[in-house]
Amino acid sequence: MLSTSAFNALLKILEEPPSHVVFIMATTERHKLPATILSRCQQFIFRMISPGEIQAHLRQIADREGVKIDAHSLSYIVKASEGSMRDAQSLLDQIISFSGQEVVDEDVRDVLGFIPGEILDRTVDALADRNSKALLEDVGIVVDQGLSLQQYVRELIGRIRDLLILKLGLEEKILGSAEEKRELAARAERFSEQDLIRFFDMLLRLENELRWTSQSRFHLEVGLIKLAKVGHVRDIEEVLREMKGTGEQTPQRSAPSGPASKTEEKPAAPARTELPGAFTFADIFTRRVEDKSATTAVHLQKAERIERIDNNIDILMPNGTALAMLQSKEHKPVLDTVASELIGKPVSVSLIMKEQPKGEVVAVNAKDEPLVKKFLEVFRGDIAQIKPAKGEMT
């Protein structure tokens, strides 16, 4: 907030400081300070204190004051402090004033407004089982206990983050007892990394939407049902490898007919790789297009067939309008890019229009008329219906 003149005055004082004065300046925008100021100061960069250090210090305070509090309750305080030792000590003091010399988990949750871990575990299990009914019951429990729905979503995001961290093998990054980490690790095995990343992303959007909706409960219930219905995702590269049939073939041997008989071995037929979960090439192609462009994916949903024949990809569209949309400069490059990635070399997608009844064929031909084409370009419209002129046979 200092002007250039003010900085110059400060620099003059720092160059010739009074002997009885020590300046201590604190800022969160160190990069905005002039180099002439920084070069004449000792710089101490503060950081967030690690959860383990905060919990160890709170344990020392509790033992010194004769307060009985378990590690699980301390972990709640550490989580609420968000890396600040001062905030952690203030919260501990509030909880001791509320509970006395013996602190229990319920008192800590009541003071800090945290969601019971049992509810979060039930929600994670329901997501793994894709059980929409159980998810709605969990929301009902949160509401009945007078807890905050936004806090519920925030802690659910934190629980999903912990599962993802465990999935990546970074157990030391999670605060909790060995037993709690084992339980989390068992739940993490029920999800893939892609599942957890997608849940995390969708819950972040849901938390932001809850701030502005007037019906928080209904919005949350529908959002959780979407999470349950979205299904589990397999790695696209793994599916592609299975499509290429990279698995080893097991040779088959004919049983001997007798001790002196010769055994005749026939080469095993090439094993046909079935895609687990009934994944088809159309599913993989569509998902790749969704990752590239959501708008293109919307128009691609109208396709009646997507198939790969050797190194060619054919897309059958129901009518000329849908075909024209995908042929535009906005969408056709997206399709070609995805096709090239899947095939492994540059290819161009073939867009084919389904054979139309006579009336629809007339509509397609009408678009080729120069006057009609100009009219559609000016008004940015489309042909909805063609009626025969008077005296013309239909």
Protein backbone atom coordinates (compact mmCIF):
# COMPACT_ATOMS: atom_id res chain seq x y z
CA MET A 1 0.00 0.00 0.00
CA LEU A 2 3.08 2.25 0.06
CA SER A 3 3.73 4.71 -2.73
CA THR A 4 7.11 5.18 -4.42
CA SER A 5 7.80 8.25 -2.28
CA ALA A 6 6.96 6.34 0.89
CA PHE A 7 9.32 3.53 -0.09
CA ASN A 8 12.08 6.08 -0.70
CA ALA A 9 11.52 7.54 2.77
CA LEU A 10 11.61 4.07 4.30
CA LEU A 11 14.83 3.31 2.45
CA LYS A 12 16.42 6.47 3.90
CA ILE A 13 15.54 5.32 7.43
CA LEU A 14 16.84 1.81 6.79
CA GLU A 15 20.14 3.17 5.48
CA GLU A 16 20.63 5.35 8.57
CA PRO A 17 18.54 3.65 11.29
CA PRO A 18 18.27 5.13 14.78
CA SER A 19 20.21 3.04 17.30
CA HIS A 20 17.20 2.52 19.55
CA VAL A 21 14.74 1.38 16.82
CA VAL A 22 14.23 -2.09 15.30
CA PHE A 23 11.87 -2.37 12.32
CA ILE A 24 9.84 -5.58 11.91
CA MET A 25 7.78 -5.69 8.73
CA ALA A 26 5.37 -8.47 7.77
CA THR A 27 3.87 -8.96 4.32
CA THR A 28 2.23 -11.64 2.22
CA GLU A 29 3.37 -9.91 -1.00
CA ARG A 30 7.14 -9.92 -0.68
CA HIS A 31 7.51 -9.76 -4.45
CA LYS A 32 6.07 -6.22 -4.44
CA LEU A 33 8.79 -4.80 -2.23
CA PRO A 34 11.61 -2.95 -4.05
CA ALA A 35 14.94 -4.76 -4.27
CA THR A 36 16.62 -1.86 -2.43
CA ILE A 37 14.42 -2.56 0.62
CA LEU A 38 14.84 -6.35 0.50
CA SER A 39 18.62 -6.13 0.23
CA ARG A 40 18.79 -4.23 3.56
CA CYS A 41 16.55 -6.62 5.52
CA GLN A 42 16.92 -10.03 7.09
CA GLN A 43 14.17 -12.14 5.55
CA PHE A 44 12.32 -14.85 7.46
CA ILE A 45 9.84 -16.78 5.34
CA PHE A 46 7.12 -18.36 7.47
CA ARG A 47 5.46 -21.60 6.44
CA MET A 48 2.53 -23.67 7.60
CA ILE A 49 3.46 -26.00 10.45
CA SER A 50 3.12 -29.69 9.67
CA PRO A 51 0.16 -31.54 11.27
CA GLY A 52 2.51 -33.88 13.14
CA GLU A 53 4.35 -30.99 14.80
CA ILE A 54 1.10 -29.30 15.84
CA GLN A 55 -0.34 -32.51 17.27
CA ALA A 56 2.87 -33.25 19.23
CA HIS A 57 2.88 -29.73 20.70
CA LEU A 58 -0.82 -29.94 21.66
CA ARG A 59 -0.11 -33.27 23.37
CA GLN A 60 2.62 -31.62 25.45
CA ILE A 61 0.24 -28.83 26.49
CA ALA A 62 -2.52 -31.30 27.40
CA ASP A 63 -0.16 -33.48 29.45
CA ARG A 64 1.26 -30.44 31.26
CA GLU A 65 -2.24 -29.18 32.11
CA GLY A 66 -3.47 -32.63 33.15
CA VAL A 67 -6.10 -32.81 30.40
CA LYS A 68 -7.18 -36.23 29.12
CA ILE A 69 -7.66 -36.12 25.35
CA ASP A 70 -7.07 -38.88 22.81
CA ALA A 71 -5.18 -38.65 19.51
CA HIS A 72 -8.39 -38.71 17.46
CA SER A 73 -9.71 -35.60 19.19
CA LEU A 74 -6.38 -33.87 18.71
CA SER A 75 -6.50 -34.68 14.99
CA TYR A 76 -9.79 -32.76 14.74
CA ILE A 77 -8.12 -29.70 16.29
CA VAL A 78 -5.12 -30.02 13.98
CA LYS A 79 -7.38 -30.23 10.95
CA ALA A 80 -9.31 -27.12 12.01
CA SER A 81 -6.13 -25.11 12.65
CA GLU A 82 -5.00 -25.43 8.99
CA GLY A 83 -1.30 -25.25 9.84
CA SER A 84 -1.47 -22.43 12.40
CA MET A 85 -0.09 -23.21 15.87
CA ARG A 86 -1.77 -20.15 17.38
CA ASP A 87 -5.18 -21.22 16.07
CA ALA A 88 -4.60 -24.78 17.32
CA GLN A 89 -3.79 -23.56 20.83
CA SER A 90 -6.84 -21.27 20.85
CA LEU A 91 -9.11 -24.12 19.78
CA LEU A 92 -7.65 -26.43 22.42
CA ASP A 93 -8.30 -23.78 25.07
CA GLN A 94 -11.94 -23.41 23.92
CA ILE A 95 -12.50 -27.16 24.01
CA ILE A 96 -10.99 -27.50 27.49
CA SER A 97 -13.27 -24.68 28.71
CA PHE A 98 -16.23 -26.54 27.18
CA SER A 99 -15.41 -30.09 28.30
CA GLY A 100 -13.27 -29.73 31.40
CA GLN A 101 -10.27 -31.92 32.16
CA GLU A 102 -11.56 -34.90 30.16
CA VAL A 103 -12.23 -34.28 26.47
CA VAL A 104 -14.21 -36.73 24.30
CA ASP A 105 -14.67 -36.84 20.52
CA GLU A 106 -18.30 -35.71 20.64
CA ASP A 107 -17.38 -32.51 22.47
CA VAL A 108 -14.66 -31.68 19.94
CA ARG A 109 -17.04 -32.25 17.03
CA ASP A 110 -19.72 -30.12 18.66
CA VAL A 111 -17.34 -27.19 19.21
CA LEU A 112 -15.68 -27.39 15.78
CA GLY A 113 -18.76 -28.47 13.80
CA PHE A 114 -17.11 -31.53 12.25
CA ILE A 115 -19.03 -34.42 10.69
CA PRO A 116 -18.75 -37.81 12.48
CA GLY A 117 -16.32 -40.10 10.69
CA GLU A 118 -18.91 -42.89 10.64
CA ILE A 119 -21.13 -40.86 8.32
CA LEU A 120 -18.25 -40.16 5.94
CA ASP A 121 -17.31 -43.86 5.92
CA ARG A 122 -20.91 -44.80 5.12
CA THR A 123 -20.93 -42.31 2.25
CA VAL A 124 -17.68 -43.66 0.78
CA ASP A 125 -18.99 -47.23 1.02
CA ALA A 126 -22.23 -46.17 -0.68
CA LEU A 127 -20.26 -44.59 -3.52
CA ALA A 128 -18.27 -47.79 -3.93
CA ASP A 129 -21.50 -49.83 -4.02
CA ARG A 130 -23.26 -47.22 -6.19
CA ASN A 131 -26.05 -47.26 -3.61
CA SER A 132 -28.15 -44.13 -4.14
CA LYS A 133 -30.55 -45.01 -1.33
CA ALA A 134 -27.74 -45.14 1.26
CA LEU A 135 -26.42 -41.77 0.04
CA LEU A 136 -29.83 -40.13 0.55
CA GLU A 137 -30.02 -41.68 4.02
CA ASP A 138 -26.62 -40.18 4.90
CA VAL A 139 -27.81 -36.72 3.83
CA GLY A 140 -30.88 -37.22 6.00
CA ILE A 141 -28.71 -38.10 9.02
CA VAL A 142 -26.63 -34.95 8.52
CA VAL A 143 -29.76 -32.78 8.35
CA ASP A 144 -31.44 -34.49 11.32
CA GLN A 145 -28.37 -33.93 13.51
CA GLY A 146 -28.33 -30.23 12.62
CA LEU A 147 -24.96 -30.41 10.87
CA SER A 148 -23.88 -28.20 7.98
CA LEU A 149 -24.33 -29.66 4.52
CA GLN A 150 -21.44 -27.57 3.18
CA GLN A 151 -19.19 -28.86 5.96
CA TYR A 152 -20.32 -32.39 5.08
CA VAL A 153 -19.27 -31.91 1.45
CA ARG A 154 -15.96 -30.30 2.46
CA GLU A 155 -15.06 -33.20 4.73
CA LEU A 156 -16.15 -35.70 2.08
CA ILE A 157 -13.74 -33.99 -0.33
CA GLY A 158 -11.01 -34.38 2.30
CA ARG A 159 -11.85 -38.07 2.71
CA ILE A 160 -11.66 -38.63 -1.06
CA ARG A 161 -8.31 -36.83 -1.06
CA ASP A 162 -7.02 -39.16 1.68
CA LEU A 163 -8.12 -42.21 -0.34
CA LEU A 164 -6.30 -40.88 -3.40
CA ILE A 165 -3.13 -40.17 -1.37
CA LEU A 166 -3.20 -43.74 -0.03
CA LYS A 167 -3.78 -45.05 -3.53
CA LEU A 168 -0.57 -43.28 -4.58
CA GLY A 169 1.37 -44.85 -1.70
CA LEU A 170 1.92 -41.64 0.31
CA GLU A 171 0.68 -42.94 3.67
CA GLU A 172 2.89 -40.56 5.65
CA LYS A 173 0.98 -37.57 4.24
CA ILE A 174 -2.19 -38.57 6.11
CA LEU A 175 -2.81 -37.70 9.75
CA GLY A 176 -4.27 -40.56 11.78
CA SER A 177 -3.56 -43.74 13.68
CA ALA A 178 -2.26 -46.91 12.04
CA GLU A 179 -5.69 -48.53 12.41
CA GLU A 180 -7.43 -45.60 10.70
CA LYS A 181 -4.93 -45.73 7.84
CA ARG A 182 -5.52 -49.46 7.39
CA GLU A 183 -9.27 -48.90 7.17
CA LEU A 184 -8.80 -46.10 4.65
CA ALA A 185 -6.43 -48.25 2.59
CA ALA A 186 -9.03 -51.03 2.46
CA ARG A 187 -11.63 -48.57 1.17
CA ALA A 188 -9.19 -47.09 -1.33
CA GLU A 189 -8.80 -50.53 -2.96
CA ARG A 190 -12.44 -50.35 -4.07
CA PHE A 191 -11.72 -47.39 -6.36
CA SER A 192 -9.35 -46.62 -9.19
CA GLU A 193 -7.31 -43.43 -9.31
CA GLN A 194 -9.54 -42.18 -12.12
CA ASP A 195 -12.65 -42.76 -9.97
CA LEU A 196 -11.24 -40.77 -7.06
CA ILE A 197 -10.03 -37.92 -9.27
CA ARG A 198 -13.44 -37.67 -10.90
CA PHE A 199 -15.26 -37.78 -7.53
CA PHE A 200 -12.93 -35.06 -6.21
CA ASP A 201 -13.61 -32.83 -9.22
CA MET A 202 -17.39 -33.30 -9.10
CA LEU A 203 -17.54 -32.69 -5.34
CA LEU A 204 -15.56 -29.45 -5.71
CA ARG A 205 -18.12 -28.19 -8.21
CA LEU A 206 -20.95 -29.37 -5.97
CA GLU A 207 -19.52 -27.51 -2.97
CA ASN A 208 -19.34 -24.29 -4.98
CA GLU A 209 -22.92 -24.72 -6.24
CA LEU A 210 -24.26 -25.22 -2.71
CA ARG A 211 -23.23 -21.66 -1.82
CA TRP A 212 -25.72 -20.16 -4.25
CA THR A 213 -28.66 -22.56 -4.24
CA SER A 214 -31.76 -21.99 -2.10
CA GLN A 215 -32.41 -25.74 -1.82
CA SER A 216 -29.12 -27.08 -0.49
CA ARG A 217 -30.44 -30.48 0.55
CA PHE A 218 -32.12 -31.23 -2.77
CA HIS A 219 -29.11 -30.04 -4.72
CA LEU A 220 -26.78 -32.20 -2.64
CA GLU A 221 -28.98 -35.29 -2.93
CA VAL A 222 -29.10 -35.05 -6.73
CA GLY A 223 -25.35 -34.40 -6.86
CA LEU A 224 -24.56 -37.52 -4.82
CA ILE A 225 -26.88 -39.64 -6.95
CA LYS A 226 -24.96 -38.44 -10.02
CA LEU A 227 -21.75 -39.58 -8.36
CA ALA A 228 -23.25 -43.01 -7.73
CA LYS A 229 -24.63 -43.39 -11.24
CA VAL A 230 -21.54 -42.20 -13.04
CA GLY A 231 -19.96 -45.65 -12.64
CA HIS A 232 -16.39 -46.78 -12.30
CA VAL A 233 -13.77 -45.90 -14.91
CA ARG A 234 -11.02 -48.09 -16.29
CA ASP A 235 -7.79 -46.73 -17.65
CA ILE A 236 -8.30 -46.00 -21.35
CA GLU A 237 -4.79 -47.20 -22.18
CA GLU A 238 -5.49 -50.52 -20.49
CA VAL A 239 -8.65 -50.98 -22.55
CA LEU A 240 -6.77 -50.11 -25.74
CA ARG A 241 -4.11 -52.69 -24.96
CA GLU A 242 -6.80 -55.31 -24.51
CA MET A 243 -8.38 -54.33 -27.81
CA LYS A 244 -5.08 -54.94 -29.56
CA GLY A 245 -4.98 -58.43 -28.06
CA THR A 246 -1.61 -58.24 -26.37
CA GLY A 247 -2.40 -61.13 -24.03
CA GLU A 248 -0.45 -64.38 -24.35
CA GLN A 249 -2.14 -67.38 -25.91
CA THR A 250 -2.28 -70.63 -24.10
CA PRO A 251 -1.36 -73.57 -26.37
CA GLN A 252 -3.84 -76.41 -26.42
CA ARG A 253 -2.74 -80.02 -26.59
CA SER A 254 -4.75 -83.00 -27.80
CA ALA A 255 -5.00 -85.91 -25.42
CA PRO A 256 -3.03 -89.06 -26.44
CA SER A 257 -5.19 -91.87 -27.81
CA GLY A 258 -2.78 -94.65 -26.80
CA PRO A 259 0.79 -95.41 -25.83
CA ALA A 260 2.03 -95.92 -29.40
CA SER A 261 -0.15 -93.35 -31.10
CA LYS A 262 1.22 -90.07 -32.33
CA THR A 263 -0.21 -86.92 -30.99
CA GLU A 264 -1.24 -84.33 -33.49
CA GLU A 265 -0.99 -80.73 -32.40
CA LYS A 266 -2.86 -77.97 -34.14
CA PRO A 267 -1.94 -74.33 -33.76
CA ALA A 268 -4.23 -72.56 -31.35
CA ALA A 269 -6.69 -70.18 -32.90
CA PRO A 270 -5.96 -66.53 -32.18
CA ALA A 271 -7.56 -65.65 -28.88
CA ARG A 272 -10.28 -63.08 -29.15
CA THR A 273 -10.00 -60.45 -26.48
CA GLU A 274 -13.25 -59.58 -24.79
CA LEU A 275 -13.42 -56.18 -23.21
CA PRO A 276 -14.30 -56.38 -19.52
CA GLY A 277 -17.34 -54.33 -18.65
CA ALA A 278 -18.63 -54.58 -22.26
CA PHE A 279 -16.47 -51.70 -23.51
CA THR A 280 -16.71 -51.22 -27.24
CA PHE A 281 -14.66 -49.13 -29.62
CA ALA A 282 -17.59 -46.69 -29.84
CA ASP A 283 -17.48 -46.24 -26.04
CA ILE A 284 -13.76 -45.54 -26.05
CA PHE A 285 -14.00 -43.18 -29.02
CA THR A 286 -16.88 -41.26 -27.43
CA ARG A 287 -15.06 -40.92 -24.12
CA ARG A 288 -11.93 -39.62 -25.82
CA VAL A 289 -14.03 -37.04 -27.69
CA GLU A 290 -15.62 -35.96 -24.37
CA ASP A 291 -12.14 -35.31 -22.97
CA LYS A 292 -11.25 -33.16 -26.00
CA SER A 293 -14.49 -31.20 -26.49
CA ALA A 294 -17.78 -31.44 -24.62
CA THR A 295 -19.61 -29.66 -27.47
CA THR A 296 -18.40 -32.14 -30.07
CA ALA A 297 -19.40 -35.00 -27.76
CA VAL A 298 -22.96 -33.65 -27.58
CA HIS A 299 -23.30 -33.74 -31.39
CA LEU A 300 -21.61 -37.15 -31.53
CA GLN A 301 -24.32 -38.59 -29.28
CA LYS A 302 -26.67 -38.43 -32.27
CA ALA A 303 -24.54 -40.95 -34.18
CA GLU A 304 -26.29 -44.24 -34.82
CA ARG A 305 -23.10 -46.20 -35.31
CA ILE A 306 -19.37 -45.74 -34.69
CA GLU A 307 -17.21 -48.55 -35.96
CA ARG A 308 -13.59 -49.23 -36.86
CA ILE A 309 -12.82 -51.15 -40.02
CA ASP A 310 -9.06 -51.79 -40.29
CA ASN A 311 -7.55 -48.30 -40.12
CA ASN A 312 -10.76 -46.46 -40.96
CA ILE A 313 -13.41 -45.09 -38.60
CA ASP A 314 -16.95 -44.69 -39.93
CA ILE A 315 -19.60 -42.64 -38.14
CA LEU A 316 -23.19 -43.03 -39.30
CA MET A 317 -25.35 -39.96 -38.71
CA PRO A 318 -29.17 -40.01 -38.80
CA ASN A 319 -29.68 -36.95 -41.01
CA GLY A 320 -27.96 -34.19 -42.92
CA THR A 321 -28.24 -31.63 -40.13
CA ALA A 322 -26.35 -33.78 -37.65
CA LEU A 323 -23.82 -34.66 -40.34
CA ALA A 324 -23.24 -31.00 -41.22
CA MET A 325 -22.59 -30.11 -37.57
CA LEU A 326 -19.81 -32.68 -37.23
CA GLN A 327 -18.33 -31.65 -40.58
CA SER A 328 -17.83 -28.09 -39.37
CA LYS A 329 -14.35 -26.68 -38.74
CA GLU A 330 -15.04 -26.72 -35.01
CA HIS A 331 -15.84 -30.43 -34.63
CA LYS A 332 -14.25 -32.38 -37.51
CA PRO A 333 -10.64 -31.73 -36.37
CA VAL A 334 -11.54 -33.05 -32.91
CA LEU A 335 -12.85 -36.30 -34.39
CA ASP A 336 -9.78 -36.68 -36.62
CA THR A 337 -7.42 -36.05 -33.69
CA VAL A 338 -9.07 -38.69 -31.51
CA ALA A 339 -9.15 -41.16 -34.40
CA SER A 340 -5.43 -40.63 -35.07
CA GLU A 341 -4.60 -41.21 -31.40
CA LEU A 342 -6.56 -44.46 -31.31
CA ILE A 343 -5.31 -45.81 -34.65
CA GLY A 344 -1.73 -44.72 -34.09
CA LYS A 345 -1.29 -42.77 -37.31
CA PRO A 346 -2.94 -39.78 -39.01
CA VAL A 347 -6.43 -40.70 -40.25
CA SER A 348 -9.59 -38.84 -41.22
CA VAL A 349 -12.96 -39.92 -39.88
CA SER A 350 -15.58 -40.85 -42.48
CA LEU A 351 -18.94 -39.23 -41.76
CA ILE A 352 -21.77 -41.09 -43.45
CA MET A 353 -25.41 -40.06 -43.60
CA LYS A 354 -28.05 -42.69 -43.11
CA GLU A 355 -30.23 -43.39 -46.13
CA GLN A 356 -33.16 -41.03 -45.83
CA PRO A 357 -36.83 -41.36 -46.76
CA LYS A 358 -37.82 -39.41 -49.86
CA GLY A 359 -38.94 -36.29 -47.98
CA GLU A 360 -35.71 -35.99 -46.04
CA VAL A 361 -33.64 -36.48 -49.19
CA VAL A 362 -35.47 -33.53 -50.72
CA ALA A 363 -34.54 -31.45 -47.66
CA VAL A 364 -30.88 -32.36 -48.02
CA ASN A 365 -30.91 -31.53 -51.74
CA ALA A 366 -32.60 -28.22 -51.02
CA LYS A 367 -29.65 -27.15 -48.90
CA ASP A 368 -27.44 -27.34 -51.97
CA GLU A 369 -29.46 -24.68 -53.76
CA PRO A 370 -27.45 -21.42 -53.80
CA LEU A 371 -30.40 -19.23 -52.79
CA VAL A 372 -31.40 -21.55 -49.93
CA LYS A 373 -27.81 -21.86 -48.77
CA LYS A 374 -27.43 -18.07 -48.68
CA PHE A 375 -30.69 -17.70 -46.79
CA LEU A 376 -29.59 -20.23 -44.15
CA GLU A 377 -26.22 -18.52 -43.72
CA VAL A 378 -27.76 -15.07 -43.23
CA PHE A 379 -30.40 -16.20 -40.73
CA ARG A 380 -28.31 -19.02 -39.20
CA GLY A 381 -31.22 -21.36 -39.45
CA ASP A 382 -32.04 -24.83 -40.70
CA ILE A 383 -34.73 -26.46 -42.81
CA ALA A 384 -37.44 -27.85 -40.58
CA GLN A 385 -40.00 -28.87 -43.23
CA ILE A 386 -40.45 -28.75 -46.98
CA LYS A 387 -43.95 -28.45 -48.40
CA PRO A 388 -44.73 -29.07 -52.08
CA ALA A 389 -45.78 -26.10 -54.19
CA LYS A 390 -49.37 -25.81 -55.43
CA GLY A 391 -50.05 -28.20 -58.24
CA GLU A 392 -46.91 -30.26 -57.42
CA MET A 393 -47.39 -33.93 -56.55
CA THR A 394 -46.18 -34.93 -53.07
